[in-house]
């Protein structure tokens, strides 16, 4: 499930304030029309700073789509 920008901003603020750790999926829009689905975790540090880790989900999403298509084709072929 993708996180909306507003919900993600709220999570980010809460993480930066040390209220909770932020974690979720979101879409990053970059220069030249780049659209990148990422998973990101944000943790507030004791010194008031924050630490974030993100990973590209493009390949995982492609694999999930390919699996769903193959499963659908298999189900269709079984019915024939």
Protein backbone atom coordinates (compact mmCIF):
# COMPACT_ATOMS: atom_id res chain seq x y z
CA UNK A 1 0.00 0.00 0.00
CA UNK A 2 1.41 3.35 -0.97
CA UNK A 3 1.55 6.16 1.56
CA UNK A 4 0.10 9.51 0.51
CA UNK A 5 2.38 12.51 0.61
CA UNK A 6 0.39 14.08 3.45
CA UNK A 7 0.47 10.91 5.55
CA UNK A 8 4.19 10.49 4.88
CA UNK A 9 4.89 14.11 5.88
CA UNK A 10 3.04 13.52 9.15
CA UNK A 11 5.08 10.37 9.80
CA UNK A 12 8.28 12.23 8.97
CA UNK A 13 7.44 15.03 11.40
CA UNK A 14 6.60 12.54 14.15
CA UNK A 15 9.87 10.68 13.56
CA UNK A 16 11.89 13.89 13.62
CA UNK A 17 10.21 14.85 16.89
CA UNK A 18 11.09 11.45 18.37
CA UNK A 19 7.42 10.47 18.72
CA UNK A 20 7.73 7.35 16.55
CA UNK A 21 9.81 5.85 13.80
CA UNK A 22 8.57 6.48 10.29
CA UNK A 23 8.37 3.58 7.89
CA UNK A 24 6.52 3.10 4.65
CA UNK A 25 6.39 3.13 0.90
CA UNK A 26 6.18 6.26 -1.17
CA UNK A 27 6.85 7.48 -4.68
CA UNK A 28 9.72 9.88 -5.25
CA UNK A 29 9.51 12.22 -8.24
CA UNK A 30 12.84 13.40 -9.60
CA UNK A 31 14.28 15.44 -12.41
CA UNK A 32 13.40 14.55 -15.98
CA UNK A 33 10.17 12.84 -15.01
CA UNK A 34 11.84 10.13 -12.93
CA UNK A 35 9.30 8.26 -10.80
CA UNK A 36 10.80 5.90 -8.26
CA UNK A 37 8.85 3.74 -5.80
CA UNK A 38 10.82 3.48 -2.55
CA UNK A 39 10.51 2.06 0.92
CA UNK A 40 11.85 4.40 3.57
CA UNK A 41 12.54 4.23 7.28
CA UNK A 42 13.24 7.30 9.40
CA UNK A 43 14.53 7.22 12.96
CA UNK A 44 15.04 10.16 15.28
CA UNK A 45 18.43 10.18 16.99
CA UNK A 46 19.00 11.29 20.58
CA UNK A 47 20.90 14.41 19.48
CA UNK A 48 17.88 15.78 17.62
CA UNK A 49 19.11 14.68 14.22
CA UNK A 50 17.46 11.95 12.18
CA UNK A 51 18.61 9.01 10.12
CA UNK A 52 16.85 7.74 7.00
CA UNK A 53 17.34 4.62 4.89
CA UNK A 54 15.56 4.01 1.62
CA UNK A 55 15.53 1.32 -1.02
CA UNK A 56 14.31 1.19 -4.58
CA UNK A 57 11.24 -1.04 -4.98
CA UNK A 58 11.16 -1.05 -8.79
CA UNK A 59 12.37 -4.63 -9.23
CA UNK A 60 10.15 -5.98 -6.47
CA UNK A 61 7.10 -4.35 -8.03
CA UNK A 62 8.01 -5.69 -11.47
CA UNK A 63 8.41 -9.18 -10.04
CA UNK A 64 5.04 -8.94 -8.26
CA UNK A 65 3.36 -7.83 -11.49
CA UNK A 66 5.01 -10.64 -13.47
CA UNK A 67 3.92 -13.19 -10.87
CA UNK A 68 0.34 -11.90 -10.94
CA UNK A 69 0.27 -12.00 -14.75
CA UNK A 70 1.68 -15.55 -14.82
CA UNK A 71 -0.81 -16.67 -12.19
CA UNK A 72 -3.69 -15.13 -14.13
CA UNK A 73 -2.54 -16.79 -17.35
CA UNK A 74 -2.18 -20.13 -15.56
CA UNK A 75 -5.70 -19.86 -14.12
CA UNK A 76 -7.06 -18.92 -17.56
CA UNK A 77 -5.25 -21.84 -19.24
CA UNK A 78 -6.54 -24.30 -16.62
CA UNK A 79 -10.14 -23.31 -17.37
CA UNK A 80 -9.79 -24.04 -21.09
